[in-house]
Amino acid sequence: MQVLLQPFSELGGLWSELFIPYGEAVDQLGTSPGGDDLMLGPEFGTQTPDGNYWILDAAKQRAAVFSADGTYLEQVVFPEEVLVDGQYFQYQMPQALDDGSIAVGGFRGEDSTALLRIVDGNVSSTTFEGAISWVTTDGDDLYGLSFEDAQPYRLDPDNPPGVPVDWLMTRAGTRFSIVVQGDEILVQLPDAAAPVTRILQLRYSEDPEVAAHAGIEVETGVDGSIFILFYGAPESDDSLGIGGFLRISPEGVVSDVEPIRDPFSPADPGSPAHLGVTPLSSDAWLVMVDEDGVRIYTRGLVAS
């Protein structure tokens, strides 16, 4: 089936916006110098089951905690021993687990990965073999893909390193696989009532004959839903940003593609961490690191 990706526009009316500005105050987020004279914002964030947002404020070397309505609550400062060379915060793609703890991966070269843990306000890190990008969670374990061959891995955050597996797992405990193959995405749901295989053909909405290429981010809900965020370009014009957001139901029904705003800005640190789901729920949200601050867009479950 075709998935029509649209030029970046505005998010639809179903989304509400929460804005956290940059600044020097403790209730504001920081920026730090990047390449090409850019000022980079936080390494995105995650939401714990109590509804609070934990933003990885790399510039201020802390996790800044905000309530669901954006009220600043507290901070957890990262100790020197978890920083690279004692001074650099190099962790990406945070995931909140169902027990309220937080796990954050860190790429450490061709053959090792770091894992930062925040448990009851205590921060620790460990490094282990295997270059893995940890991309999603079932609420208890992390799931990721190896940089070498995209082999799926599962990681118990309390017992690294990870182990190779055949499938990723949703927050409902059901198996799934999503594989990008050029302008197509192969989706498999073996635990659906009738096992499902879908081939999503990425196309440009203004001319469905034109193939599109896109990066994706994937998260899941406790009902077994799968959410996919797309961003890329049509083959006819690689300077044109296009994207979309959709939900795949536990039975494999693919929703209409919703338009999205441009997820990137000069302050974006570059990690594929714009899509999240609140633990113990099927509520998807988006986070954008902009030049003036961080914007979080929330909504409930997308109708199929």
Protein backbone atom coordinates (compact mmCIF):
# COMPACT_ATOMS: atom_id res chain seq x y z
CA MET A 1 0.00 0.00 0.00
CA GLN A 2 1.10 3.56 -0.65
CA VAL A 3 2.09 5.93 2.16
CA LEU A 4 1.87 9.49 0.85
CA LEU A 5 4.39 11.78 2.53
CA GLN A 6 3.50 15.45 2.43
CA PRO A 7 5.58 18.65 2.37
CA PHE A 8 6.29 19.88 5.90
CA SER A 9 3.52 22.19 7.08
CA GLU A 10 1.86 22.66 10.45
CA LEU A 11 0.69 19.95 12.80
CA GLY A 12 -3.05 19.44 12.76
CA GLY A 13 -5.46 20.76 15.36
CA LEU A 14 -5.40 17.51 17.35
CA TRP A 15 -1.95 18.40 18.69
CA SER A 16 -1.36 20.80 21.57
CA GLU A 17 1.97 22.56 22.12
CA LEU A 18 4.12 22.89 25.23
CA PHE A 19 7.08 25.31 24.99
CA ILE A 20 10.19 25.37 27.22
CA PRO A 21 12.56 28.26 26.38
CA TYR A 22 16.33 28.51 26.52
CA GLY A 23 18.01 30.74 29.08
CA GLU A 24 20.30 30.91 32.08
CA ALA A 25 17.65 30.35 34.76
CA VAL A 26 17.26 26.92 36.35
CA ASP A 27 13.77 26.56 34.86
CA GLN A 28 15.11 27.20 31.35
CA LEU A 29 17.10 24.89 29.09
CA GLY A 30 20.63 25.43 27.83
CA THR A 31 22.42 25.47 24.49
CA SER A 32 26.02 24.61 23.71
CA PRO A 33 28.33 25.27 20.74
CA GLY A 34 28.24 22.79 17.86
CA GLY A 35 29.89 22.70 14.48
CA ASP A 36 29.49 25.50 11.92
CA ASP A 37 28.98 28.06 14.71
CA LEU A 38 25.62 26.50 15.65
CA MET A 39 24.18 26.50 19.16
CA LEU A 40 22.73 23.06 19.86
CA GLY A 41 19.82 22.43 22.20
CA PRO A 42 19.08 19.45 24.47
CA GLU A 43 19.37 15.79 23.50
CA PHE A 44 15.58 15.52 23.44
CA GLY A 45 13.71 13.94 26.34
CA THR A 46 11.32 11.30 27.56
CA GLN A 47 8.12 11.11 29.63
CA THR A 48 7.77 9.02 32.77
CA PRO A 49 4.52 7.26 33.81
CA ASP A 50 3.63 10.16 36.15
CA GLY A 51 3.42 12.46 33.12
CA ASN A 52 6.62 14.40 33.81
CA TYR A 53 9.05 15.22 31.02
CA TRP A 54 12.75 14.58 31.56
CA ILE A 55 14.79 16.72 29.17
CA LEU A 56 18.45 15.82 28.61
CA ASP A 57 19.92 19.29 29.02
CA ALA A 58 23.40 18.55 27.66
CA ALA A 59 24.62 22.15 27.94
CA LYS A 60 23.84 22.28 31.68
CA GLN A 61 24.84 18.63 32.17
CA ARG A 62 21.60 17.61 33.84
CA ALA A 63 18.18 16.13 33.33
CA ALA A 64 15.64 18.93 33.77
CA VAL A 65 12.22 17.72 34.92
CA PHE A 66 8.99 19.47 33.94
CA SER A 67 5.37 18.59 34.70
CA ALA A 68 2.91 17.76 31.94
CA ASP A 69 1.87 21.45 31.82
CA GLY A 70 5.48 22.68 31.55
CA THR A 71 6.06 23.67 35.19
CA TYR A 72 9.69 23.24 36.21
CA LEU A 73 10.00 20.69 39.04
CA GLU A 74 13.60 19.68 39.66
CA GLN A 75 16.91 18.72 38.12
CA VAL A 76 19.22 15.73 38.32
CA VAL A 77 22.81 16.81 37.74
CA PHE A 78 25.06 14.39 35.87
CA PRO A 79 28.17 13.55 37.92
CA GLU A 80 31.59 13.87 36.34
CA GLU A 81 32.09 10.11 36.18
CA VAL A 82 29.29 9.60 33.63
CA LEU A 83 30.62 12.32 31.28
CA VAL A 84 33.09 11.55 28.50
CA ASP A 85 36.53 12.76 29.62
CA GLY A 86 34.75 14.05 32.70
CA GLN A 87 33.18 16.96 30.83
CA TYR A 88 31.17 16.00 27.74
CA PHE A 89 27.58 14.70 27.76
CA GLN A 90 27.39 12.17 24.93
CA TYR A 91 24.19 10.15 25.31
CA GLN A 92 21.21 10.00 22.98
CA MET A 93 17.66 8.73 22.60
CA PRO A 94 16.30 8.51 26.18
CA GLN A 95 13.63 5.99 27.11
CA ALA A 96 11.50 6.03 30.26
CA LEU A 97 10.58 2.57 31.49
CA ASP A 98 7.38 1.46 33.19
CA ASP A 99 9.05 1.51 36.61
CA GLY A 100 9.81 5.23 36.24
CA SER A 101 13.54 4.80 35.63
CA ILE A 102 15.29 6.19 32.57
CA ALA A 103 17.76 4.56 30.20
CA VAL A 104 19.86 6.47 27.64
CA GLY A 105 22.27 5.00 25.11
CA GLY A 106 25.61 6.44 24.06
CA PHE A 107 27.58 5.48 20.94
CA ARG A 108 31.22 4.88 21.88
CA GLY A 109 32.84 3.93 18.59
CA GLU A 110 32.68 0.94 16.28
CA ASP A 111 32.48 -1.74 18.95
CA SER A 112 31.05 -0.36 22.18
CA THR A 113 27.98 1.32 23.64
CA ALA A 114 27.40 3.21 26.87
CA LEU A 115 24.20 3.10 28.92
CA LEU A 116 23.20 5.90 31.28
CA ARG A 117 20.67 5.04 33.99
CA ILE A 118 18.63 7.38 36.19
CA VAL A 119 16.93 5.45 38.99
CA ASP A 120 15.28 7.28 41.90
CA GLY A 121 17.39 10.35 41.14
CA ASN A 122 20.66 8.40 41.13
CA VAL A 123 22.78 8.50 37.97
CA SER A 124 25.14 5.78 36.79
CA SER A 125 26.62 4.55 33.53
CA THR A 126 28.29 1.47 32.12
CA THR A 127 29.99 0.63 28.83
CA PHE A 128 29.80 -2.73 27.08
CA GLU A 129 30.70 -4.38 23.79
CA GLY A 130 28.52 -3.96 20.72
CA ALA A 131 27.66 -0.84 18.71
CA ILE A 132 23.89 -0.74 19.08
CA SER A 133 21.37 2.06 18.54
CA TRP A 134 18.66 1.55 21.18
CA VAL A 135 15.51 2.82 19.46
CA THR A 136 12.43 1.65 21.40
CA THR A 137 11.22 -0.14 24.52
CA ASP A 138 8.52 -2.57 25.59
CA GLY A 139 8.42 -0.83 28.97
CA ASP A 140 10.92 -3.19 30.60
CA ASP A 141 13.71 -3.80 28.08
CA LEU A 142 15.31 -1.71 25.35
CA TYR A 143 15.29 -2.81 21.72
CA GLY A 144 17.73 -1.66 19.09
CA LEU A 145 19.62 -2.41 15.91
CA SER A 146 23.32 -3.04 15.45
CA PHE A 147 25.20 -0.48 13.39
CA GLU A 148 26.99 -3.25 11.51
CA ASP A 149 24.10 -5.23 10.02
CA ALA A 150 20.82 -3.93 11.57
CA GLN A 151 20.45 -7.11 13.63
CA PRO A 152 17.75 -6.57 16.29
CA TYR A 153 18.93 -6.68 19.91
CA ARG A 154 17.21 -6.72 23.29
CA LEU A 155 18.79 -5.17 26.38
CA ASP A 156 17.80 -5.62 30.00
CA PRO A 157 18.91 -2.20 31.34
CA ASP A 158 19.89 -3.81 34.64
CA ASN A 159 21.90 -6.57 32.98
CA PRO A 160 23.83 -5.45 29.89
CA PRO A 161 25.05 -6.23 27.30
CA GLY A 162 22.18 -6.95 24.92
CA VAL A 163 21.42 -10.20 23.12
CA PRO A 164 20.39 -10.72 19.47
CA VAL A 165 16.70 -11.43 18.92
CA ASP A 166 14.44 -12.15 15.97
CA TRP A 167 11.78 -9.56 16.76
CA LEU A 168 11.20 -6.22 18.42
CA MET A 169 8.45 -6.11 21.06
CA THR A 170 5.57 -3.68 21.60
CA ARG A 171 4.52 -2.40 25.03
CA ALA A 172 1.72 -4.98 24.79
CA GLY A 173 4.28 -7.79 24.58
CA THR A 174 3.54 -8.58 20.92
CA ARG A 175 6.24 -9.16 18.33
CA PHE A 176 6.85 -6.91 15.35
CA SER A 177 9.43 -6.10 12.70
CA ILE A 178 9.88 -2.92 10.65
CA VAL A 179 12.60 -2.92 8.00
CA VAL A 180 13.40 -0.03 5.63
CA GLN A 181 14.16 -1.26 2.13
CA GLY A 182 14.83 1.78 -0.06
CA ASP A 183 11.47 3.39 -0.82
CA GLU A 184 9.56 0.57 0.88
CA ILE A 185 9.06 -0.47 4.49
CA LEU A 186 8.33 -4.07 5.38
CA VAL A 187 6.07 -4.41 8.44
CA GLN A 188 5.40 -7.79 10.06
CA LEU A 189 3.00 -8.46 12.96
CA PRO A 190 3.15 -12.21 13.63
CA ASP A 191 1.01 -12.04 16.79
CA ALA A 192 -1.99 -10.32 15.20
CA ALA A 193 -5.20 -12.39 15.19
CA ALA A 194 -4.35 -13.08 11.55
CA PRO A 195 -0.57 -12.63 11.10
CA VAL A 196 0.10 -9.49 9.07
CA THR A 197 2.73 -8.57 6.51
CA ARG A 198 2.50 -5.09 5.00
CA ILE A 199 4.73 -3.41 2.43
CA LEU A 200 4.46 0.36 2.78
CA GLN A 201 5.45 2.09 -0.46
CA LEU A 202 6.71 5.60 0.28
CA ARG A 203 5.45 8.11 -2.27
CA TYR A 204 5.30 11.89 -2.69
CA SER A 205 1.77 13.19 -2.00
CA GLU A 206 1.87 15.77 -4.80
CA ASP A 207 2.79 13.10 -7.37
CA PRO A 208 2.20 9.52 -6.18
CA GLU A 209 4.23 8.21 -9.11
CA VAL A 210 7.33 9.67 -7.45
CA ALA A 211 9.04 7.48 -4.87
CA ALA A 212 10.17 8.95 -1.57
CA HIS A 213 12.98 8.07 0.79
CA ALA A 214 12.63 8.68 4.50
CA GLY A 215 14.13 8.02 7.86
CA ILE A 216 11.71 6.66 10.41
CA GLU A 217 11.21 6.64 14.17
CA VAL A 218 9.09 3.94 15.78
CA GLU A 219 7.32 3.67 19.14
CA THR A 220 4.51 1.45 20.44
CA GLY A 221 1.55 1.62 22.80
CA VAL A 222 0.24 -0.68 25.50
CA ASP A 223 -2.58 -1.73 23.18
CA GLY A 224 -0.04 -3.01 20.63
CA SER A 225 -0.33 0.01 18.34
CA ILE A 226 2.77 1.02 16.38
CA PHE A 227 3.47 4.69 15.67
CA ILE A 228 5.79 5.74 12.85
CA LEU A 229 7.24 9.20 12.21
CA PHE A 230 8.64 9.75 8.71
CA TYR A 231 10.89 12.51 7.35
CA GLY A 232 12.74 12.59 4.06
CA ALA A 233 12.47 13.81 0.48
CA PRO A 234 10.97 12.78 -2.86
CA GLU A 235 13.33 11.30 -5.43
CA SER A 236 12.45 14.17 -7.77
CA ASP A 237 13.76 16.88 -5.40
CA ASP A 238 16.03 15.95 -2.53
CA SER A 239 15.96 19.56 -1.27
CA LEU A 240 12.23 19.33 -0.47
CA GLY A 241 11.40 18.15 3.04
CA ILE A 242 8.43 15.81 3.32
CA GLY A 243 7.13 13.63 6.11
CA GLY A 244 4.19 12.26 8.01
CA PHE A 245 2.90 10.44 11.06
CA LEU A 246 0.74 7.33 11.18
CA ARG A 247 -0.48 4.54 13.41
CA ILE A 248 -0.67 0.82 12.68
CA SER A 249 -3.32 -0.90 14.79
CA PRO A 250 -2.64 -4.23 16.54
CA GLU A 251 -4.59 -5.89 13.71
CA GLY A 252 -2.38 -4.25 11.07
CA VAL A 253 -4.75 -1.50 9.93
CA VAL A 254 -2.71 1.49 8.70
CA SER A 255 -4.14 4.93 9.43
CA ASP A 256 -4.12 7.87 7.07
CA VAL A 257 -0.86 9.81 7.02
CA GLU A 258 -1.00 13.02 9.01
CA PRO A 259 1.12 16.04 8.02
CA ILE A 260 3.94 17.12 10.31
CA ARG A 261 5.99 20.27 10.72
CA ASP A 262 9.68 20.27 9.85
CA PRO A 263 11.18 18.36 12.81
CA PHE A 264 14.63 19.85 12.34
CA SER A 265 16.22 23.21 13.13
CA PRO A 266 19.81 24.52 13.36
CA ALA A 267 19.62 23.73 17.11
CA ASP A 268 18.63 20.08 16.59
CA PRO A 269 21.47 17.82 17.84
CA GLY A 270 20.73 15.26 15.13
CA SER A 271 19.48 12.24 17.08
CA PRO A 272 16.37 10.40 15.79
CA ALA A 273 14.45 11.00 19.01
CA HIS A 274 11.47 13.18 18.05
CA LEU A 275 8.77 10.53 18.72
CA GLY A 276 7.71 9.26 22.13
CA VAL A 277 4.91 7.37 23.86
CA THR A 278 3.95 7.87 27.49
CA PRO A 279 4.75 4.66 29.46
CA LEU A 280 1.74 2.52 30.41
CA SER A 281 -0.31 4.22 27.67
CA SER A 282 -0.86 4.48 23.93
CA ASP A 283 -0.47 8.26 23.89
CA ALA A 284 2.06 9.42 21.31
CA TRP A 285 3.88 12.76 21.49
CA LEU A 286 6.52 14.64 19.53
CA VAL A 287 9.46 16.77 20.67
CA MET A 288 11.24 19.35 18.50
CA VAL A 289 14.48 21.08 19.47
CA ASP A 290 14.12 24.58 17.97
CA GLU A 291 16.34 27.66 17.94
CA ASP A 292 14.40 29.38 20.74
CA GLY A 293 13.53 26.39 22.89
CA VAL A 294 12.04 22.91 23.01
CA ARG A 295 8.49 22.25 21.84
CA ILE A 296 6.53 19.18 22.90
CA TYR A 297 3.37 18.27 21.02
CA THR A 298 0.87 15.98 22.75
CA ARG A 299 -2.31 14.18 21.88
CA GLY A 300 -4.21 11.01 22.68
CA LEU A 301 -4.42 7.79 20.71
CA VAL A 302 -4.72 8.33 16.97
CA ALA A 303 -7.93 6.97 15.51
CA SER A 304 -7.45 4.15 13.03
